Protein backbone atom coordinates (compact mmCIF):
# COMPACT_ATOMS: atom_id res chain seq x y z
CA MET A 1 -0.48 -5.82 27.50
CA THR A 2 -0.87 -8.98 29.64
CA ALA A 3 -3.60 -11.40 28.52
CA GLU A 4 -5.36 -10.87 31.87
CA GLY A 5 -5.42 -7.09 31.30
CA PHE A 6 -6.71 -7.47 27.81
CA LEU A 7 -9.49 -9.97 28.78
CA GLU A 8 -10.56 -7.61 31.64
CA GLY A 9 -11.21 -5.05 29.01
CA ARG A 10 -8.60 -2.65 30.32
CA ARG A 11 -8.48 0.46 28.10
CA LEU A 12 -5.09 0.92 26.31
CA GLN A 13 -4.29 4.57 25.66
CA MET A 14 -1.63 6.16 23.53
CA ALA A 15 -0.48 9.71 22.87
CA ARG A 16 -2.22 11.26 19.83
CA GLY A 17 0.99 12.33 18.29
CA VAL A 18 2.16 8.69 17.79
CA LEU A 19 -0.11 8.55 14.71
CA LEU A 20 2.18 11.14 13.12
CA GLN A 21 5.50 9.58 14.22
CA CYS A 22 7.92 9.68 11.27
CA ILE A 23 9.91 6.56 10.08
CA MET A 24 13.08 7.81 11.88
CA GLY A 25 11.14 8.03 15.20
CA GLY A 26 10.73 11.80 15.59
CA TYR A 27 7.47 13.88 15.61
CA PRO A 28 6.44 17.10 13.82
CA PRO A 29 5.53 20.07 16.04
CA ALA A 30 2.68 19.45 18.49
CA ARG A 31 0.30 21.94 16.70
CA PHE A 32 -0.24 19.20 14.07
CA TYR A 33 -1.82 16.70 16.55
CA GLY A 34 -3.27 19.01 19.25
CA SER A 35 -0.97 21.15 21.38
CA ASP A 36 -1.75 19.07 24.53
CA ASP A 37 -0.77 15.79 22.84
CA GLY A 38 -3.62 14.10 24.69
CA ASP A 39 -4.39 10.44 24.61
CA LEU A 40 -6.29 8.27 22.16
CA ALA A 41 -7.99 4.98 23.00
CA LEU A 42 -6.86 1.84 21.18
CA VAL A 43 -10.00 -0.21 20.63
CA PRO A 44 -9.31 -3.83 19.41
CA ASP A 45 -11.38 -5.10 16.48
CA PRO A 46 -12.78 -8.42 17.75
CA ALA A 47 -12.46 -9.92 14.22
CA GLN A 48 -8.73 -9.05 14.21
CA ILE A 49 -7.32 -10.64 17.39
CA HIS A 50 -4.85 -13.39 16.40
CA ARG A 51 -2.68 -15.93 18.19
CA LEU A 52 0.80 -15.60 16.59
CA PRO A 53 1.66 -19.08 15.21
CA TRP A 54 5.37 -18.34 14.65
CA SER A 55 6.00 -17.24 18.28
CA LYS A 56 7.48 -19.94 20.57
CA HIS A 57 5.66 -18.39 23.60
CA PRO A 58 1.92 -17.67 23.69
CA ARG A 59 1.39 -14.17 22.16
CA ALA A 60 -1.47 -12.50 20.51
CA PHE A 61 -1.75 -9.63 18.11
CA ALA A 62 -4.69 -7.27 17.97
CA ILE A 63 -5.46 -4.79 15.32
CA CYS A 64 -7.04 -1.68 16.91
CA ASP A 65 -8.97 1.43 15.93
CA ALA A 66 -7.59 4.70 17.26
CA ASP A 67 -10.47 6.55 18.72
CA GLU A 68 -10.63 9.93 20.55
CA LEU A 69 -11.54 9.59 24.23
CA THR A 70 -14.95 11.08 23.36
CA GLY A 71 -15.64 7.95 21.23
CA GLU A 72 -15.35 9.11 17.56
CA SER A 73 -12.66 7.86 15.26
CA SER A 74 -9.40 9.91 15.26
CA SER A 75 -9.03 11.83 12.07
CA LEU A 76 -5.24 11.00 12.17
CA SER A 77 -5.98 7.18 12.06
CA THR A 78 -5.55 5.71 8.56
CA ARG A 79 -7.77 2.74 9.49
CA GLY A 80 -10.40 5.28 10.56
CA GLN A 81 -10.00 7.19 7.25
CA LEU A 82 -10.67 3.93 5.34
CA LYS A 83 -13.80 3.14 7.41
CA ALA A 84 -15.10 6.61 6.75
CA VAL A 85 -14.71 6.11 2.90
CA ILE A 86 -16.49 2.82 3.13
CA ALA A 87 -19.33 4.46 5.03
CA ARG A 88 -19.67 7.09 2.34
CA TYR A 89 -20.17 4.36 -0.18
CA ALA A 90 -22.70 2.57 2.07
CA ALA A 91 -24.75 5.77 2.32
CA ARG A 92 -25.29 5.46 -1.40
CA GLY A 93 -26.21 1.77 -1.07
CA LEU A 94 -22.82 0.69 -2.48
CA ALA A 95 -19.98 -1.47 -1.17
CA PRO A 96 -16.51 -1.46 -2.74
CA VAL A 97 -14.70 -4.65 -3.21
CA VAL A 98 -10.87 -4.74 -3.45
CA ALA A 99 -7.93 -7.07 -3.74
CA THR A 100 -4.22 -6.42 -3.25
CA GLU A 101 -1.25 -7.77 -5.03
CA LEU A 102 1.89 -7.39 -2.83
CA GLU A 103 5.47 -7.83 -4.09
CA PHE A 104 8.42 -8.25 -1.84
CA PHE A 105 12.05 -9.38 -1.79
CA VAL A 106 13.64 -12.15 0.28
CA PHE A 107 17.33 -11.44 1.03
CA ALA A 108 20.21 -12.73 3.04
CA PRO A 109 20.82 -10.75 6.29
CA ASN A 110 22.11 -7.31 5.55
CA ALA A 111 24.15 -6.08 8.64
CA ASP A 112 25.78 -3.21 6.87
CA PRO A 113 23.21 -0.80 5.28
CA THR A 114 25.94 0.76 3.06
CA GLN A 115 26.17 -2.50 1.14
CA PRO A 116 23.60 -3.73 -1.39
CA PHE A 117 21.10 -6.42 -0.51
CA GLN A 118 21.92 -9.93 -1.73
CA PRO A 119 19.69 -12.87 -2.32
CA PRO A 120 20.20 -15.93 -0.03
CA LEU A 121 22.61 -18.80 -0.86
CA GLY A 122 20.81 -21.37 -2.80
CA LEU A 123 20.87 -25.16 -2.31
CA ASP A 124 23.69 -25.31 -4.90
CA GLY A 125 25.76 -22.84 -3.01
CA ARG A 126 25.06 -19.93 -5.48
CA ARG A 127 23.00 -16.82 -5.20
CA GLU A 128 20.12 -16.33 -7.55
CA ASP A 129 20.91 -14.04 -10.53
CA GLY A 130 17.40 -13.11 -11.68
CA HIS A 131 16.66 -15.97 -14.15
CA SER A 132 13.98 -17.55 -11.97
CA ALA A 133 11.05 -15.14 -12.82
CA PHE A 134 7.76 -17.08 -13.07
CA SER A 135 9.66 -20.39 -12.77
CA VAL A 136 8.07 -23.48 -11.16
CA SER A 137 11.46 -24.70 -10.00
CA SER A 138 13.97 -23.05 -7.72
CA ASN A 139 17.38 -23.68 -6.09
CA ASN A 140 17.01 -20.79 -3.73
CA GLY A 141 16.43 -22.95 -0.66
CA LEU A 142 13.42 -20.89 0.39
CA ARG A 143 10.89 -23.80 0.51
CA PRO A 144 11.09 -24.17 4.36
CA PHE A 145 10.50 -20.45 4.75
CA PHE A 146 7.54 -20.41 2.36
CA SER A 147 6.08 -23.64 3.92
CA GLU A 148 5.91 -21.81 7.29
CA VAL A 149 4.59 -18.63 5.71
CA TYR A 150 1.72 -20.77 4.24
CA GLU A 151 1.10 -22.49 7.58
CA CYS A 152 1.02 -19.16 9.36
CA MET A 153 -1.39 -17.61 6.83
CA ALA A 154 -3.74 -20.62 7.30
CA ALA A 155 -3.54 -20.23 11.07
CA LEU A 156 -4.29 -16.49 10.89
CA GLY A 157 -7.15 -17.03 8.42
CA LEU A 158 -5.40 -15.26 5.55
CA PRO A 159 -6.80 -16.83 2.45
CA ARG A 160 -4.25 -16.59 -0.52
CA ASP A 161 -4.97 -16.83 -4.23
CA THR A 162 -1.62 -17.14 -5.98
CA PHE A 163 2.11 -17.01 -5.01
CA MET A 164 4.68 -16.57 -7.64
CA HIS A 165 8.35 -15.60 -8.28
CA GLU A 166 8.37 -12.12 -9.78
CA MET A 167 10.77 -10.42 -12.25
CA GLY A 168 13.35 -9.32 -9.67
CA VAL A 169 16.20 -11.18 -8.05
CA SER A 170 14.62 -13.21 -5.24
CA GLN A 171 11.34 -11.24 -5.64
CA PHE A 172 7.99 -12.74 -5.07
CA GLU A 173 4.33 -11.77 -5.20
CA ILE A 174 1.17 -12.80 -3.40
CA ASN A 175 -2.35 -12.13 -4.61
CA LEU A 176 -4.80 -11.89 -1.70
CA LEU A 177 -8.50 -12.91 -2.41
CA HIS A 178 -10.85 -9.93 -3.05
CA GLY A 179 -13.29 -8.75 -0.48
CA ASP A 180 -14.23 -5.98 1.95
CA PRO A 181 -11.66 -3.15 1.78
CA LEU A 182 -11.09 -2.96 5.49
CA LEU A 183 -10.59 -6.69 5.72
CA LEU A 184 -8.15 -6.62 2.85
CA ALA A 185 -6.20 -3.74 4.34
CA ASP A 186 -6.02 -5.65 7.63
CA GLN A 187 -4.86 -8.82 5.79
CA THR A 188 -2.23 -6.99 3.83
CA PHE A 189 -0.91 -5.25 6.96
CA LEU A 190 -0.85 -8.60 8.88
CA PHE A 191 0.75 -10.44 5.99
CA LYS A 192 3.66 -8.01 5.83
CA HIS A 193 4.20 -8.38 9.55
CA LEU A 194 4.02 -12.20 9.27
CA LEU A 195 6.57 -12.19 6.41
CA LYS A 196 9.17 -10.36 8.45
CA GLU A 197 8.75 -12.31 11.51
CA VAL A 198 8.89 -15.73 9.80
CA ALA A 199 11.91 -14.60 7.75
CA LEU A 200 13.79 -13.78 10.87
CA LYS A 201 13.20 -17.30 12.18
CA HIS A 202 14.77 -18.63 8.99
CA GLY A 203 17.84 -16.24 9.06
CA LEU A 204 16.42 -14.22 6.14
CA THR A 205 15.43 -10.63 5.57
CA VAL A 206 12.17 -9.65 3.88
CA VAL A 207 12.19 -6.14 2.33
CA CYS A 208 9.01 -4.30 1.31
CA MET A 209 10.90 -1.22 -0.01
CA ALA A 210 9.56 -0.03 -3.28
CA LYS A 211 13.00 -0.35 -4.97
CA PRO A 212 15.57 -2.14 -2.94
CA LEU A 213 17.94 -3.13 -5.82
CA ALA A 214 19.29 -1.10 -8.68
CA HIS A 215 18.70 -2.26 -12.23
CA THR A 216 15.93 -4.52 -10.96
CA PRO A 217 12.08 -4.04 -11.06
CA GLY A 218 10.62 -2.57 -7.89
CA SER A 219 7.88 -3.89 -5.62
CA SER A 220 4.29 -2.75 -6.01
CA MET A 221 1.00 -3.13 -4.14
CA HIS A 222 -1.55 -3.02 -6.95
CA ILE A 223 -5.11 -2.39 -5.78
CA HIS A 224 -7.94 -4.08 -7.75
CA GLN A 225 -11.30 -2.20 -7.25
CA SER A 226 -14.96 -2.82 -8.15
CA ILE A 227 -18.27 -1.76 -6.56
CA VAL A 228 -21.33 -3.75 -5.82
CA GLU A 229 -24.90 -2.70 -5.13
CA ILE A 230 -25.50 -3.79 -1.43
CA ALA A 231 -29.14 -4.79 -2.05
CA SER A 232 -28.53 -7.00 -5.03
CA GLY A 233 -24.73 -7.83 -4.95
CA ARG A 234 -24.58 -6.67 -8.62
CA ASN A 235 -21.23 -5.16 -9.96
CA VAL A 236 -22.30 -1.67 -10.87
CA PHE A 237 -19.45 -1.42 -13.39
CA SER A 238 -21.36 -3.70 -15.76
CA ASP A 239 -24.99 -3.40 -16.99
CA LYS A 240 -27.39 -6.30 -17.69
CA ALA A 241 -25.99 -6.64 -21.17
CA GLY A 242 -22.51 -6.97 -19.83
CA GLU A 243 -21.37 -3.53 -21.07
CA PRO A 244 -19.48 -0.83 -19.10
CA THR A 245 -21.75 1.53 -17.17
CA ALA A 246 -21.59 5.32 -16.66
CA THR A 247 -20.62 4.50 -13.02
CA PHE A 248 -17.66 2.64 -14.31
CA ARG A 249 -16.58 5.63 -16.49
CA HIS A 250 -17.12 8.14 -13.54
CA PHE A 251 -15.14 5.96 -11.19
CA ILE A 252 -12.13 6.06 -13.58
CA GLY A 253 -12.63 9.76 -14.01
CA GLY A 254 -12.45 10.26 -10.26
CA GLN A 255 -9.35 8.14 -10.08
CA GLN A 256 -7.62 10.29 -12.80
CA ALA A 257 -8.74 13.48 -11.02
CA GLY A 258 -7.22 12.39 -7.70
CA MET A 259 -4.11 10.51 -8.72
CA ALA A 260 -1.61 13.38 -8.95
CA ASP A 261 -2.93 14.97 -5.73
CA PHE A 262 -2.67 11.67 -3.90
CA THR A 263 0.70 10.47 -5.31
CA ALA A 264 2.33 11.12 -1.91
CA LEU A 265 -0.23 8.84 -0.24
CA PHE A 266 0.46 6.00 -2.75
CA ALA A 267 4.24 6.57 -2.92
CA PRO A 268 5.08 7.78 0.59
CA ASN A 269 8.92 7.59 0.71
CA VAL A 270 11.97 8.90 -1.11
CA ASN A 271 12.69 5.32 -2.40
CA SER A 272 9.12 5.09 -3.82
CA TYR A 273 10.14 7.29 -6.71
CA GLN A 274 13.09 5.16 -7.69
CA ARG A 275 10.60 2.48 -8.58
CA LEU A 276 8.53 5.04 -10.63
CA CYS A 277 11.41 6.57 -12.54
CA HIS A 278 11.77 3.39 -14.66
CA PRO A 279 8.11 3.11 -15.53
CA PHE A 280 7.74 -0.27 -17.20
CA ALA A 281 5.14 -2.15 -15.12
CA SER A 282 5.47 0.67 -12.54
CA PRO A 283 3.61 3.44 -14.35
CA ASN A 284 3.87 7.01 -13.03
CA ASN A 285 0.83 8.22 -14.91
CA ALA A 286 -2.93 8.70 -14.63
CA CYS A 287 -3.73 7.18 -18.09
CA TRP A 288 -6.21 4.34 -18.32
CA SER A 289 -6.21 1.35 -20.61
CA HIS A 290 -7.66 -1.97 -21.29
CA ASP A 291 -5.05 -4.56 -20.21
CA ASN A 292 -1.99 -2.38 -20.78
CA ARG A 293 0.52 -2.50 -17.99
CA ALA A 294 2.07 0.79 -18.92
CA ALA A 295 -1.07 2.62 -17.74
CA GLY A 296 -1.53 3.78 -14.14
CA LEU A 297 -5.03 2.57 -14.28
CA ARG A 298 -5.49 -0.84 -15.98
CA ILE A 299 -8.72 -2.69 -16.72
CA PRO A 300 -7.79 -6.33 -16.56
CA ALA A 301 -9.23 -8.73 -19.12
CA SER A 302 -12.25 -10.28 -17.34
CA SER A 303 -15.87 -11.19 -17.51
CA PRO A 304 -18.47 -8.45 -16.96
CA VAL A 305 -19.27 -9.64 -13.48
CA ALA A 306 -15.52 -9.25 -12.54
CA ARG A 307 -15.07 -5.84 -14.27
CA ARG A 308 -12.70 -3.85 -12.09
CA VAL A 309 -10.12 -1.12 -12.08
CA GLU A 310 -6.53 -1.84 -11.15
CA ASN A 311 -4.62 1.10 -9.59
CA ARG A 312 -0.91 0.26 -10.38
CA LEU A 313 0.64 3.23 -8.72
CA PRO A 314 1.03 2.14 -5.07
CA GLY A 315 4.28 0.53 -4.06
CA ALA A 316 4.85 -2.25 -1.53
CA ASP A 317 5.86 0.48 0.93
CA ALA A 318 2.50 2.13 0.91
CA ASN A 319 0.19 2.00 3.98
CA PRO A 320 -2.49 -0.37 2.84
CA TYR A 321 -5.23 1.54 4.76
CA LEU A 322 -4.30 4.89 3.40
CA ALA A 323 -3.65 3.68 -0.23
CA ILE A 324 -7.00 1.83 -0.42
CA ALA A 325 -8.85 4.75 1.20
CA ALA A 326 -7.30 7.30 -1.24
CA SER A 327 -8.06 5.17 -4.28
CA LEU A 328 -11.63 4.40 -3.32
CA ALA A 329 -12.26 8.04 -2.19
CA ALA A 330 -11.07 9.33 -5.62
CA GLY A 331 -13.37 6.88 -7.36
CA LEU A 332 -16.37 7.95 -5.33
CA HIS A 333 -15.54 11.60 -5.93
CA GLY A 334 -15.80 10.77 -9.68
CA ILE A 335 -19.15 8.98 -9.16
CA GLU A 336 -20.64 11.78 -7.17
CA ASN A 337 -19.54 14.49 -9.59
CA GLU A 338 -20.10 12.33 -12.80
CA LEU A 339 -16.49 12.95 -13.97
CA GLU A 340 -15.70 11.67 -17.38
CA PRO A 341 -12.33 9.98 -17.93
CA SER A 342 -9.88 10.73 -20.79
CA GLU A 343 -9.82 8.46 -23.81
CA ALA A 344 -8.40 5.02 -23.17
CA ILE A 345 -4.87 4.45 -24.47
CA GLN A 346 -3.49 1.27 -25.98
CA GLY A 347 -0.04 0.19 -27.18
CA GLU A 348 2.91 2.50 -26.79
CA PHE A 349 1.92 6.07 -25.86
CA VAL A 350 3.21 9.45 -24.67
CA VAL A 351 1.69 10.57 -21.50
CA PRO A 352 -0.18 13.89 -21.81
CA ASP A 353 0.94 16.62 -19.44
CA ASN A 354 -2.43 16.66 -17.67
CA LEU A 355 -2.05 12.91 -16.84
CA SER A 356 1.49 13.03 -15.63
CA LEU A 357 2.28 12.56 -11.93
CA PRO A 358 4.91 14.02 -9.48
CA CYS A 359 8.27 12.18 -9.83
CA THR A 360 9.80 13.07 -6.46
CA LEU A 361 8.53 13.01 -2.91
CA HIS A 362 9.18 16.78 -2.73
CA ALA A 363 6.98 17.44 -5.71
CA ALA A 364 4.38 15.01 -4.51
CA LEU A 365 4.16 16.63 -1.03
CA GLU A 366 3.93 20.11 -2.78
CA ARG A 367 1.01 18.87 -4.87
CA LEU A 368 -0.66 17.33 -1.82
CA LYS A 369 -0.10 20.65 0.07
CA ARG A 370 -2.12 22.50 -2.70
CA SER A 371 -4.92 19.93 -2.97
CA GLN A 372 -8.31 21.12 -1.91
CA LEU A 373 -9.66 17.75 -2.86
CA ALA A 374 -7.40 15.96 -0.46
CA LYS A 375 -8.46 18.30 2.44
CA GLU A 376 -12.19 17.78 1.55
CA LEU A 377 -11.94 14.02 1.48
CA PHE A 378 -9.55 13.40 4.38
CA GLY A 379 -9.67 16.49 6.47
CA LYS A 380 -7.34 19.32 6.97
CA GLU A 381 -5.81 17.96 10.16
CA PHE A 382 -4.85 14.61 8.63
CA ILE A 383 -3.40 16.07 5.36
CA GLU A 384 -1.37 18.78 7.14
CA GLY A 385 -0.14 16.36 9.74
CA TYR A 386 0.82 13.79 7.04
CA ILE A 387 2.74 16.41 5.04
CA ALA A 388 4.55 17.65 8.28
CA SER A 389 5.68 14.01 9.10
CA LYS A 390 6.82 13.25 5.62
CA THR A 391 8.69 16.59 5.26
CA MET A 392 10.67 15.59 8.27
CA GLU A 393 11.60 12.34 6.55
CA LEU A 394 12.54 14.12 3.36
CA THR A 395 14.73 16.57 5.27
CA SER A 396 16.50 13.67 7.05
CA PHE A 397 17.26 12.09 3.71
CA PHE A 398 18.70 15.46 2.36
CA ASP A 399 20.94 15.52 5.54
CA GLU A 400 22.92 12.50 4.14
CA ILE A 401 25.32 12.31 1.15
CA THR A 402 24.86 9.19 -0.94
CA PRO A 403 27.65 6.93 -2.26
CA TRP A 404 26.76 8.05 -5.81
CA GLU A 405 27.55 11.71 -5.00
CA ARG A 406 30.86 10.68 -3.50
CA ARG A 407 31.79 8.38 -6.30
CA VAL A 408 30.65 10.57 -9.21
CA LEU A 409 30.94 14.12 -8.06
CA ALA A 410 34.07 14.23 -5.85
CA ALA A 411 36.31 14.30 -8.87
CA GLN A 412 34.55 17.12 -10.60
CA ALA A 413 36.35 20.42 -10.93
């Protein structure tokens, strides 16, 4: 839209079905988004209108709500779903606080998708081989890229906590500062867009797939969650003596109750399960633990005022609005129904059957399809539409034969 049209307040409308567009570009049948496929109004959030600092020409970016023409939020909008979850907390005098940890890979350009990704050439003419995890020195030549990333983050008002080199080859992680869930979802979404745009300027490719490289750790989007009382600002997970509260237990119980049903929301792509099938630091379970990274729900070591629950299931490929909404909705379900969690686990453990999660997209979608809890919390229209879109993507994947199948199976009798 032109700046003039935007400043005049011209309404931007979009077909309702676009909210269910699958990643290949197609759409499920129109019955999933209203047979008329009428319009939605895109309503910009005044706090999320940004001049794009990496653009040579003046351009701005506006994050919008997708509203029905009658004025209410569209049930198909993931941002709207998150706002509805936050409102349910507010009705109880509570406000959730979240932070996201986003991992990503920086690669050389990859013009041929049949070939594996490669790290960029370093300043010494070599490609990184994976020995730089958590290192303060680097020969990868990415300092100009990261310098512009930092500058653009500052220009867009994206506060950062820590940046580090992660375990994978040319893999990095950013920790965003904790705050309002909607703000953190907007910041995570905007940061991923920023990364890709700045990378292109530097002749690089940023990949937020869950598992872009074989034999290498995948990329997560861990969600840290706590809840404060609106009136006092007190963290309701800790009592006056600094001990865990019943609300803390119930929140964990709700997370456990919803984790298997919501796996397809946290791990939305075929590739998501490549990350989860090697579960070290990418746990595919609904166990909880104090400071154990093998658990799907980890309680980081912290002071009572910072007591929080870390959901370690979502990958970097998850929709931040939907993943945060699903995690917080499950926790609130536990609080409202006073659900008790399982016993905490420590050390090495075997996952009980009732705390195991779907391990393929097909299994996750089947579980979501059967979930009454998902339909109660997000509405039948959203869940059925989401499943229809993801089923199209899964079918598209099954329409292709992978190099592994040709390499290993072609010689079989």
